[in-house]
Amino acid sequence: MNLKQLAAHLKLSPATVSRVLAGKGAEYRIGEETQARVRSAAGKLGVTINQQARGLRLRSTQTLGLIVPDISNPFFAALCRQIELEARTRGYSVLVADSQEQ
């Protein structure tokens, strides 16, 4: 089942369902009851946002790249963790690469 089918099933607009699944229900003043109904139905029916398709459509993947010289160094491991936690709170994911001090 895709997003449009879920919206039809719930008798809601695709935009409403999309906003709820993207975590922006409150921002668009969508009622808590409606948000709960959308999340519940999406969970039961296995509907999720395809992040790759969303990234292509919006021309933004919300992904940051981080290259560190030595990921096994506790300093860089802790730094990566903090960057990843902060990025997640802002809706980004982080790809980490180890340059092996090259």
PDB file of N, CA and C in Angstrom:
ATOM      1  N   MET A   1       0.851  -1.172   0.000  1.00  0.00           N
ATOM      2  CA  MET A   1       0.000   0.000   0.000  1.00  0.00           C
ATOM      3  C   MET A   1       0.893   1.231   0.000  1.00  0.00           C
ATOM      4  N   ASN A   2       0.568   2.197  -0.841  1.00  0.00           N
ATOM      5  CA  ASN A   2       1.357   3.424  -0.874  1.00  0.00           C
ATOM      6  C   ASN A   2       0.640   4.539  -0.110  1.00  0.00           C
ATOM      7  N   LEU A   3       1.259   5.694  -0.067  1.00  0.00           N
ATOM      8  CA  LEU A   3       0.742   6.818   0.695  1.00  0.00           C
ATOM      9  C   LEU A   3      -0.635   7.264   0.205  1.00  0.00           C
ATOM     10  N   LYS A   4      -0.820   7.335  -1.098  1.00  0.00           N
ATOM     11  CA  LYS A   4      -2.118   7.759  -1.645  1.00  0.00           C
ATOM     12  C   LYS A   4      -3.217   6.774  -1.282  1.00  0.00           C
ATOM     13  N   GLN A   5      -2.903   5.493  -1.319  1.00  0.00           N
ATOM     14  CA  GLN A   5      -3.885   4.473  -0.951  1.00  0.00           C
ATOM     15  C   GLN A   5      -4.221   4.554   0.537  1.00  0.00           C
ATOM     16  N   LEU A   6      -3.201   4.804   1.359  1.00  0.00           N
ATOM     17  CA  LEU A   6      -3.434   4.963   2.793  1.00  0.00           C
ATOM     18  C   LEU A   6      -4.333   6.165   3.049  1.00  0.00           C
ATOM     19  N   ALA A   7      -4.064   7.268   2.360  1.00  0.00           N
ATOM     20  CA  ALA A   7      -4.884   8.472   2.514  1.00  0.00           C
ATOM     21  C   ALA A   7      -6.336   8.189   2.143  1.00  0.00           C
ATOM     22  N   ALA A   8      -6.545   7.490   1.045  1.00  0.00           N
ATOM     23  CA  ALA A   8      -7.907   7.149   0.620  1.00  0.00           C
ATOM     24  C   ALA A   8      -8.569   6.238   1.655  1.00  0.00           C
ATOM     25  N   HIS A   9      -7.820   5.273   2.167  1.00  0.00           N
ATOM     26  CA  HIS A   9      -8.331   4.350   3.180  1.00  0.00           C
ATOM     27  C   HIS A   9      -8.788   5.111   4.432  1.00  0.00           C
ATOM     28  N   LEU A  10      -8.031   6.149   4.812  1.00  0.00           N
ATOM     29  CA  LEU A  10      -8.341   6.929   6.012  1.00  0.00           C
ATOM     30  C   LEU A  10      -9.279   8.102   5.735  1.00  0.00           C
ATOM     31  N   LYS A  11      -9.600   8.317   4.452  1.00  0.00           N
ATOM     32  CA  LYS A  11     -10.427   9.450   4.034  1.00  0.00           C
ATOM     33  C   LYS A  11      -9.778  10.783   4.434  1.00  0.00           C
ATOM     34  N   LEU A  12      -8.472  10.857   4.157  1.00  0.00           N
ATOM     35  CA  LEU A  12      -7.686  12.062   4.399  1.00  0.00           C
ATOM     36  C   LEU A  12      -6.967  12.428   3.117  1.00  0.00           C
ATOM     37  N   SER A  13      -6.442  13.638   3.062  1.00  0.00           N
ATOM     38  CA  SER A  13      -5.676  14.026   1.877  1.00  0.00           C
ATOM     39  C   SER A  13      -4.287  13.395   1.943  1.00  0.00           C
ATOM     40  N   PRO A  14      -3.693  13.123   0.773  1.00  0.00           N
ATOM     41  CA  PRO A  14      -2.316  12.607   0.769  1.00  0.00           C
ATOM     42  C   PRO A  14      -1.347  13.561   1.473  1.00  0.00           C
ATOM     43  N   ALA A  15      -1.593  14.864   1.361  1.00  0.00           N
ATOM     44  CA  ALA A  15      -0.716  15.840   2.015  1.00  0.00           C
ATOM     45  C   ALA A  15      -0.755  15.675   3.534  1.00  0.00           C
ATOM     46  N   THR A  16      -1.934  15.468   4.079  1.00  0.00           N
ATOM     47  CA  THR A  16      -2.067  15.282   5.528  1.00  0.00           C
ATOM     48  C   THR A  16      -1.313  14.041   5.980  1.00  0.00           C
ATOM     49  N   VAL A  17      -1.505  12.943   5.278  1.00  0.00           N
ATOM     50  CA  VAL A  17      -0.830  11.691   5.632  1.00  0.00           C
ATOM     51  C   VAL A  17       0.683  11.861   5.509  1.00  0.00           C
ATOM     52  N   SER A  18       1.128  12.491   4.449  1.00  0.00           N
ATOM     53  CA  SER A  18       2.557  12.713   4.234  1.00  0.00           C
ATOM     54  C   SER A  18       3.159  13.545   5.359  1.00  0.00           C
ATOM     55  N   ARG A  19       2.479  14.603   5.746  1.00  0.00           N
ATOM     56  CA  ARG A  19       2.990  15.477   6.810  1.00  0.00           C
ATOM     57  C   ARG A  19       3.081  14.744   8.141  1.00  0.00           C
ATOM     58  N   VAL A  20       2.093  13.926   8.432  1.00  0.00           N
ATOM     59  CA  VAL A  20       2.130  13.159   9.681  1.00  0.00           C
ATOM     60  C   VAL A  20       3.286  12.166   9.660  1.00  0.00           C
ATOM     61  N   LEU A  21       3.435  11.435   8.564  1.00  0.00           N
ATOM     62  CA  LEU A  21       4.501  10.434   8.480  1.00  0.00           C
ATOM     63  C   LEU A  21       5.889  11.068   8.477  1.00  0.00           C
ATOM     64  N   ALA A  22       5.974  12.319   8.026  1.00  0.00           N
ATOM     65  CA  ALA A  22       7.256  13.030   8.031  1.00  0.00           C
ATOM     66  C   ALA A  22       7.538  13.670   9.389  1.00  0.00           C
ATOM     67  N   GLY A  23       6.609  13.500  10.336  1.00  0.00           N
ATOM     68  CA  GLY A  23       6.804  14.067  11.666  1.00  0.00           C
ATOM     69  C   GLY A  23       6.496  15.542  11.750  1.00  0.00           C
ATOM     70  N   LYS A  24       5.708  16.058  10.810  1.00  0.00           N
ATOM     71  CA  LYS A  24       5.407  17.485  10.779  1.00  0.00           C
ATOM     72  C   LYS A  24       3.934  17.783  11.049  1.00  0.00           C
ATOM     73  N   GLY A  25       3.247  16.844  11.700  1.00  0.00           N
ATOM     74  CA  GLY A  25       1.828  17.025  11.976  1.00  0.00           C
ATOM     75  C   GLY A  25       1.537  18.245  12.829  1.00  0.00           C
ATOM     76  N   ALA A  26       2.289  18.418  13.909  1.00  0.00           N
ATOM     77  CA  ALA A  26       2.068  19.557  14.804  1.00  0.00           C
ATOM     78  C   ALA A  26       2.371  20.873  14.094  1.00  0.00           C
ATOM     79  N   GLU A  27       3.420  20.870  13.277  1.00  0.00           N
ATOM     80  CA  GLU A  27       3.804  22.076  12.534  1.00  0.00           C
ATOM     81  C   GLU A  27       2.673  22.550  11.627  1.00  0.00           C
ATOM     82  N   TYR A  28       1.911  21.601  11.092  1.00  0.00           N
ATOM     83  CA  TYR A  28       0.801  21.929  10.198  1.00  0.00           C
ATOM     84  C   TYR A  28      -0.546  21.879  10.921  1.00  0.00           C
ATOM     85  N   ARG A  29      -0.494  21.864  12.245  1.00  0.00           N
ATOM     86  CA  ARG A  29      -1.692  21.888  13.092  1.00  0.00           C
ATOM     87  C   ARG A  29      -2.673  20.758  12.788  1.00  0.00           C
ATOM     88  N   ILE A  30      -2.132  19.587  12.578  1.00  0.00           N
ATOM     89  CA  ILE A  30      -2.956  18.398  12.381  1.00  0.00           C
ATOM     90  C   ILE A  30      -3.244  17.833  13.766  1.00  0.00           C
ATOM     91  N   GLY A  31      -4.502  17.572  14.051  1.00  0.00           N
ATOM     92  CA  GLY A  31      -4.913  17.116  15.377  1.00  0.00           C
ATOM     93  C   GLY A  31      -4.202  15.854  15.828  1.00  0.00           C
ATOM     94  N   GLU A  32      -4.007  15.755  17.136  1.00  0.00           N
ATOM     95  CA  GLU A  32      -3.327  14.587  17.712  1.00  0.00           C
ATOM     96  C   GLU A  32      -4.071  13.292  17.387  1.00  0.00           C
ATOM     97  N   GLU A  33      -5.392  13.346  17.416  1.00  0.00           N
ATOM     98  CA  GLU A  33      -6.180  12.146  17.121  1.00  0.00           C
ATOM     99  C   GLU A  33      -5.951  11.689  15.678  1.00  0.00           C
ATOM    100  N   THR A  34      -5.927  12.638  14.757  1.00  0.00           N
ATOM    101  CA  THR A  34      -5.682  12.315  13.346  1.00  0.00           C
ATOM    102  C   THR A  34      -4.275  11.761  13.164  1.00  0.00           C
ATOM    103  N   GLN A  35      -3.300  12.389  13.828  1.00  0.00           N
ATOM    104  CA  GLN A  35      -1.924  11.910  13.729  1.00  0.00           C
ATOM    105  C   GLN A  35      -1.810  10.479  14.253  1.00  0.00           C
ATOM    106  N   ALA A  36      -2.455  10.212  15.371  1.00  0.00           N
ATOM    107  CA  ALA A  36      -2.412   8.862  15.945  1.00  0.00           C
ATOM    108  C   ALA A  36      -3.067   7.859  15.000  1.00  0.00           C
ATOM    109  N   ARG A  37      -4.168   8.259  14.378  1.00  0.00           N
ATOM    110  CA  ARG A  37      -4.868   7.370  13.441  1.00  0.00           C
ATOM    111  C   ARG A  37      -3.987   7.046  12.239  1.00  0.00           C
ATOM    112  N   VAL A  38      -3.288   8.068  11.717  1.00  0.00           N
ATOM    113  CA  VAL A  38      -2.403   7.862  10.563  1.00  0.00           C
ATOM    114  C   VAL A  38      -1.243   6.948  10.941  1.00  0.00           C
ATOM    115  N   ARG A  39      -0.586   7.234  12.064  1.00  0.00           N
ATOM    116  CA  ARG A  39       0.559   6.415  12.486  1.00  0.00           C
ATOM    117  C   ARG A  39       0.144   4.971  12.756  1.00  0.00           C
ATOM    118  N   SER A  40      -1.005   4.796  13.377  1.00  0.00           N
ATOM    119  CA  SER A  40      -1.495   3.449  13.672  1.00  0.00           C
ATOM    120  C   SER A  40      -1.764   2.666  12.388  1.00  0.00           C
ATOM    121  N   ALA A  41      -2.485   3.283  11.463  1.00  0.00           N
ATOM    122  CA  ALA A  41      -2.804   2.608  10.196  1.00  0.00           C
ATOM    123  C   ALA A  41      -1.537   2.337   9.394  1.00  0.00           C
ATOM    124  N   ALA A  42      -0.620   3.303   9.371  1.00  0.00           N
ATOM    125  CA  ALA A  42       0.628   3.123   8.626  1.00  0.00           C
ATOM    126  C   ALA A  42       1.427   1.964   9.208  1.00  0.00           C
ATOM    127  N   GLY A  43       1.466   1.867  10.534  1.00  0.00           N
ATOM    128  CA  GLY A  43       2.183   0.771  11.184  1.00  0.00           C
ATOM    129  C   GLY A  43       1.565  -0.579  10.883  1.00  0.00           C
ATOM    130  N   LYS A  44       0.249  -0.646  10.955  1.00  0.00           N
ATOM    131  CA  LYS A  44      -0.452  -1.911  10.697  1.00  0.00           C
ATOM    132  C   LYS A  44      -0.320  -2.348   9.246  1.00  0.00           C
ATOM    133  N   LEU A  45      -0.323  -1.370   8.335  1.00  0.00           N
ATOM    134  CA  LEU A  45      -0.297  -1.687   6.907  1.00  0.00           C
ATOM    135  C   LEU A  45       1.110  -1.639   6.309  1.00  0.00           C
ATOM    136  N   GLY A  46       2.105  -1.281   7.121  1.00  0.00           N
ATOM    137  CA  GLY A  46       3.486  -1.274   6.648  1.00  0.00           C
ATOM    138  C   GLY A  46       3.832  -0.134   5.707  1.00  0.00           C
ATOM    139  N   VAL A  47       3.159   1.004   5.867  1.00  0.00           N
ATOM    140  CA  VAL A  47       3.431   2.157   5.004  1.00  0.00           C
ATOM    141  C   VAL A  47       4.493   3.032   5.666  1.00  0.00           C
ATOM    142  N   THR A  48       5.552   3.328   4.939  1.00  0.00           N
ATOM    143  CA  THR A  48       6.600   4.227   5.418  1.00  0.00           C
ATOM    144  C   THR A  48       6.975   5.183   4.300  1.00  0.00           C
ATOM    145  N   ILE A  49       7.661   6.249   4.666  1.00  0.00           N
ATOM    146  CA  ILE A  49       8.157   7.187   3.661  1.00  0.00           C
ATOM    147  C   ILE A  49       9.417   6.594   3.050  1.00  0.00           C
ATOM    148  N   ASN A  50       9.471   6.547   1.734  1.00  0.00           N
ATOM    149  CA  ASN A  50      10.664   6.082   1.036  1.00  0.00           C
ATOM    150  C   ASN A  50      11.648   7.254   1.021  1.00  0.00           C
ATOM    151  N   GLN A  51      12.640   7.193   1.901  1.00  0.00           N
ATOM    152  CA  GLN A  51      13.563   8.317   2.056  1.00  0.00           C
ATOM    153  C   GLN A  51      14.379   8.590   0.793  1.00  0.00           C
ATOM    154  N   GLN A  52      14.704   7.553   0.043  1.00  0.00           N
ATOM    155  CA  GLN A  52      15.459   7.770  -1.196  1.00  0.00           C
ATOM    156  C   GLN A  52      14.613   8.516  -2.216  1.00  0.00           C
ATOM    157  N   ALA A  53      13.362   8.111  -2.364  1.00  0.00           N
ATOM    158  CA  ALA A  53      12.473   8.794  -3.304  1.00  0.00           C
ATOM    159  C   ALA A  53      12.233  10.229  -2.859  1.00  0.00           C
ATOM    160  N   ARG A  54      12.069  10.419  -1.557  1.00  0.00           N
ATOM    161  CA  ARG A  54      11.853  11.766  -1.020  1.00  0.00           C
ATOM    162  C   ARG A  54      13.069  12.648  -1.316  1.00  0.00           C
ATOM    163  N   GLY A  55      14.259  12.097  -1.107  1.00  0.00           N
ATOM    164  CA  GLY A  55      15.481  12.849  -1.370  1.00  0.00           C
ATOM    165  C   GLY A  55      15.614  13.244  -2.826  1.00  0.00           C
ATOM    166  N   LEU A  56      15.264  12.337  -3.721  1.00  0.00           N
ATOM    167  CA  LEU A  56      15.323  12.653  -5.149  1.00  0.00           C
ATOM    168  C   LEU A  56      14.327  13.748  -5.512  1.00  0.00           C
ATOM    169  N   ARG A  57      13.121  13.637  -4.963  1.00  0.00           N
ATOM    170  CA  ARG A  57      12.080  14.606  -5.283  1.00  0.00           C
ATOM    171  C   ARG A  57      12.433  15.996  -4.743  1.00  0.00           C
ATOM    172  N   LEU A  58      12.951  16.053  -3.522  1.00  0.00           N
ATOM    173  CA  LEU A  58      13.267  17.331  -2.893  1.00  0.00           C
ATOM    174  C   LEU A  58      14.667  17.838  -3.229  1.00  0.00           C
ATOM    175  N   ARG A  59      15.451  16.990  -3.888  1.00  0.00           N
ATOM    176  CA  ARG A  59      16.851  17.309  -4.191  1.00  0.00           C
ATOM    177  C   ARG A  59      17.656  17.610  -2.923  1.00  0.00           C
ATOM    178  N   SER A  60      17.294  16.901  -1.861  1.00  0.00           N
ATOM    179  CA  SER A  60      17.984  17.041  -0.585  1.00  0.00           C
ATOM    180  C   SER A  60      17.835  15.732   0.177  1.00  0.00           C
ATOM    181  N   THR A  61      18.942  15.113   0.539  1.00  0.00           N
ATOM    182  CA  THR A  61      18.871  13.830   1.236  1.00  0.00           C
ATOM    183  C   THR A  61      18.940  13.970   2.748  1.00  0.00           C
ATOM    184  N   GLN A  62      19.172  15.181   3.245  1.00  0.00           N
ATOM    185  CA  GLN A  62      19.289  15.391   4.685  1.00  0.00           C
ATOM    186  C   GLN A  62      20.392  14.501   5.259  1.00  0.00           C
ATOM    187  N   THR A  63      21.474  14.353   4.508  1.00  0.00           N
ATOM    188  CA  THR A  63      22.590  13.507   4.919  1.00  0.00           C
ATOM    189  C   THR A  63      23.871  14.327   4.964  1.00  0.00           C
ATOM    190  N   LEU A  64      24.620  14.161   6.030  1.00  0.00           N
ATOM    191  CA  LEU A  64      25.910  14.827   6.179  1.00  0.00           C
ATOM    192  C   LEU A  64      27.016  13.787   6.070  1.00  0.00           C
ATOM    193  N   GLY A  65      28.148  14.174   5.506  1.00  0.00           N
ATOM    194  CA  GLY A  65      29.307  13.299   5.437  1.00  0.00           C
ATOM    195  C   GLY A  65      30.357  13.772   6.425  1.00  0.00           C
ATOM    196  N   LEU A  66      30.969  12.845   7.134  1.00  0.00           N
ATOM    197  CA  LEU A  66      31.987  13.178   8.122  1.00  0.00           C
ATOM    198  C   LEU A  66      33.171  12.244   7.926  1.00  0.00           C
ATOM    199  N   ILE A  67      34.336  12.820   7.678  1.00  0.00           N
ATOM    200  CA  ILE A  67      35.558  12.029   7.513  1.00  0.00           C
ATOM    201  C   ILE A  67      36.462  12.326   8.701  1.00  0.00           C
ATOM    202  N   VAL A  68      36.865  11.275   9.392  1.00  0.00           N
ATOM    203  CA  VAL A  68      37.754  11.425  10.544  1.00  0.00           C
ATOM    204  C   VAL A  68      39.046  10.664  10.273  1.00  0.00           C
ATOM    205  N   PRO A  69      40.157  11.112  10.877  1.00  0.00           N
ATOM    206  CA  PRO A  69      41.436  10.463  10.589  1.00  0.00           C
ATOM    207  C   PRO A  69      41.591   9.072  11.204  1.00  0.00           C
ATOM    208  N   ASP A  70      40.913   8.811  12.338  1.00  0.00           N
ATOM    209  CA  ASP A  70      41.073   7.504  12.992  1.00  0.00           C
ATOM    210  C   ASP A  70      39.857   7.235  13.872  1.00  0.00           C
ATOM    211  N   ILE A  71      38.908   6.478  13.368  1.00  0.00           N
ATOM    212  CA  ILE A  71      37.661   6.218  14.094  1.00  0.00           C
ATOM    213  C   ILE A  71      37.900   5.409  15.365  1.00  0.00           C
ATOM    214  N   SER A  72      39.021   4.673  15.434  1.00  0.00           N
ATOM    215  CA  SER A  72      39.309   3.884  16.638  1.00  0.00           C
ATOM    216  C   SER A  72      39.842   4.755  17.776  1.00  0.00           C
ATOM    217  N   ASN A  73      40.228   5.982  17.480  1.00  0.00           N
ATOM    218  CA  ASN A  73      40.676   6.924  18.500  1.00  0.00           C
ATOM    219  C   ASN A  73      39.444   7.356  19.309  1.00  0.00           C
ATOM    220  N   PRO A  74      39.464   7.187  20.635  1.00  0.00           N
ATOM    221  CA  PRO A  74      38.289   7.534  21.446  1.00  0.00           C
ATOM    222  C   PRO A  74      37.810   8.976  21.254  1.00  0.00           C
ATOM    223  N   PHE A  75      38.730   9.892  21.017  1.00  0.00           N
ATOM    224  CA  PHE A  75      38.334  11.282  20.792  1.00  0.00           C
ATOM    225  C   PHE A  75      37.442  11.396  19.563  1.00  0.00           C
ATOM    226  N   PHE A  76      37.867  10.798  18.450  1.00  0.00           N
ATOM    227  CA  PHE A  76      37.090  10.903  17.214  1.00  0.00           C
ATOM    228  C   PHE A  76      35.791  10.098  17.286  1.00  0.00           C
ATOM    229  N   ALA A  77      35.827   8.977  18.008  1.00  0.00           N
ATOM    230  CA  ALA A  77      34.604   8.186  18.182  1.00  0.00           C
ATOM    231  C   ALA A  77      33.565   8.996  18.951  1.00  0.00           C
ATOM    232  N   ALA A  78      33.997   9.658  20.021  1.00  0.00           N
ATOM    233  CA  ALA A  78      33.078  10.487  20.813  1.00  0.00           C
ATOM    234  C   ALA A  78      32.585  11.680  20.000  1.00  0.00           C
ATOM    235  N   LEU A  79      33.478  12.271  19.220  1.00  0.00           N
ATOM    236  CA  LEU A  79      33.094  13.401  18.368  1.00  0.00           C
ATOM    237  C   LEU A  79      32.034  12.975  17.351  1.00  0.00           C
ATOM    238  N   CYS A  80      32.254  11.836  16.723  1.00  0.00           N
ATOM    239  CA  CYS A  80      31.280  11.318  15.746  1.00  0.00           C
ATOM    240  C   CYS A  80      29.926  11.099  16.399  1.00  0.00           C
ATOM    241  N   ARG A  81      29.949  10.536  17.590  1.00  0.00           N
ATOM    242  CA  ARG A  81      28.690  10.271  18.296  1.00  0.00           C
ATOM    243  C   ARG A  81      27.930  11.564  18.576  1.00  0.00           C
ATOM    244  N   GLN A  82      28.617  12.580  19.055  1.00  0.00           N
ATOM    245  CA  GLN A  82      27.949  13.841  19.369  1.00  0.00           C
ATOM    246  C   GLN A  82      27.419  14.529  18.110  1.00  0.00           C
ATOM    247  N   ILE A  83      28.192  14.492  17.051  1.00  0.00           N
ATOM    248  CA  ILE A  83      27.738  15.078  15.785  1.00  0.00           C
ATOM    249  C   ILE A  83      26.505  14.343  15.284  1.00  0.00           C
ATOM    250  N   GLU A  84      26.532  13.013  15.374  1.00  0.00           N
ATOM    251  CA  GLU A  84      25.387  12.220  14.911  1.00  0.00           C
ATOM    252  C   GLU A  84      24.145  12.504  15.747  1.00  0.00           C
ATOM    253  N   LEU A  85      24.290  12.607  17.059  1.00  0.00           N
ATOM    254  CA  LEU A  85      23.143  12.902  17.926  1.00  0.00           C
ATOM    255  C   LEU A  85      22.542  14.267  17.609  1.00  0.00           C
ATOM    256  N   GLU A  86      23.382  15.265  17.437  1.00  0.00           N
ATOM    257  CA  GLU A  86      22.892  16.612  17.117  1.00  0.00           C
ATOM    258  C   GLU A  86      22.246  16.646  15.742  1.00  0.00           C
ATOM    259  N   ALA A  87      22.862  15.984  14.781  1.00  0.00           N
ATOM    260  CA  ALA A  87      22.297  15.949  13.426  1.00  0.00           C
ATOM    261  C   ALA A  87      20.922  15.295  13.438  1.00  0.00           C
ATOM    262  N   ARG A  88      20.782  14.213  14.194  1.00  0.00           N
ATOM    263  CA  ARG A  88      19.502  13.499  14.255  1.00  0.00           C
ATOM    264  C   ARG A  88      18.395  14.397  14.802  1.00  0.00           C
ATOM    265  N   THR A  89      18.712  15.219  15.811  1.00  0.00           N
ATOM    266  CA  THR A  89      17.687  16.114  16.363  1.00  0.00           C
ATOM    267  C   THR A  89      17.221  17.140  15.337  1.00  0.00           C
ATOM    268  N   ARG A  90      18.052  17.378  14.331  1.00  0.00           N
ATOM    269  CA  ARG A  90      17.704  18.346  13.287  1.00  0.00           C
ATOM    270  C   ARG A  90      17.223  17.677  11.998  1.00  0.00           C
ATOM    271  N   GLY A  91      17.004  16.359  12.056  1.00  0.00           N
ATOM    272  CA  GLY A  91      16.453  15.646  10.907  1.00  0.00           C
ATOM    273  C   GLY A  91      17.471  15.180   9.881  1.00  0.00           C
ATOM    274  N   TYR A  92      18.739  15.145  10.263  1.00  0.00           N
ATOM    275  CA  TYR A  92      19.793  14.705   9.351  1.00  0.00           C
ATOM    276  C   TYR A  92      20.338  13.349   9.779  1.00  0.00           C
ATOM    277  N   SER A  93      20.896  12.635   8.825  1.00  0.00           N
ATOM    278  CA  SER A  93      21.654  11.427   9.132  1.00  0.00           C
ATOM    279  C   SER A  93      23.108  11.716   8.771  1.00  0.00           C
ATOM    280  N   VAL A  94      24.014  10.945   9.353  1.00  0.00           N
ATOM    281  CA  VAL A  94      25.445  11.186   9.143  1.00  0.00           C
ATOM    282  C   VAL A  94      26.103   9.919   8.614  1.00  0.00           C
ATOM    283  N   LEU A  95      26.869  10.067   7.549  1.00  0.00           N
ATOM    284  CA  LEU A  95      27.708   8.986   7.034  1.00  0.00           C
ATOM    285  C   LEU A  95      29.130   9.270   7.500  1.00  0.00           C
ATOM    286  N   VAL A  96      29.732   8.299   8.158  1.00  0.00           N
ATOM    287  CA  VAL A  96      31.075   8.480   8.702  1.00  0.00           C
ATOM    288  C   VAL A  96      32.060   7.626   7.913  1.00  0.00           C
ATOM    289  N   ALA A  97      33.196   8.227   7.582  1.00  0.00           N
ATOM    290  CA  ALA A  97      34.267   7.500   6.897  1.00  0.00           C
ATOM    291  C   ALA A  97      35.568   7.722   7.664  1.00  0.00           C
ATOM    292  N   ASP A  98      36.396   6.713   7.681  1.00  0.00           N
ATOM    293  CA  ASP A  98      37.694   6.761   8.343  1.00  0.00           C
ATOM    294  C   ASP A  98      38.765   6.903   7.266  1.00  0.00           C
ATOM    295  N   SER A  99      39.515   8.011   7.303  1.00  0.00           N
ATOM    296  CA  SER A  99      40.548   8.235   6.281  1.00  0.00           C
ATOM    297  C   SER A  99      41.827   7.463   6.589  1.00  0.00           C
ATOM    298  N   GLN A 100      41.885   6.833   7.742  1.00  0.00           N
ATOM    299  CA  GLN A 100      43.053   6.080   8.191  1.00  0.00           C
ATOM    300  C   GLN A 100      44.299   6.958   8.152  1.00  0.00           C
ATOM    301  N   GLU A 101      44.097   8.202   8.571  1.00  0.00           N
ATOM    302  CA  GLU A 101      45.150   9.220   8.661  1.00  0.00           C
ATOM    303  C   GLU A 101      45.858   9.471   7.341  1.00  0.00           C
ATOM    304  N   GLN A 102      45.112   9.357   6.247  1.00  0.00           N
ATOM    305  CA  GLN A 102      45.711   9.608   4.925  1.00  0.00           C
ATOM    306  C   GLN A 102      45.250  10.939   4.390  1.00  0.00           C
TER     307      GLN A 102
END
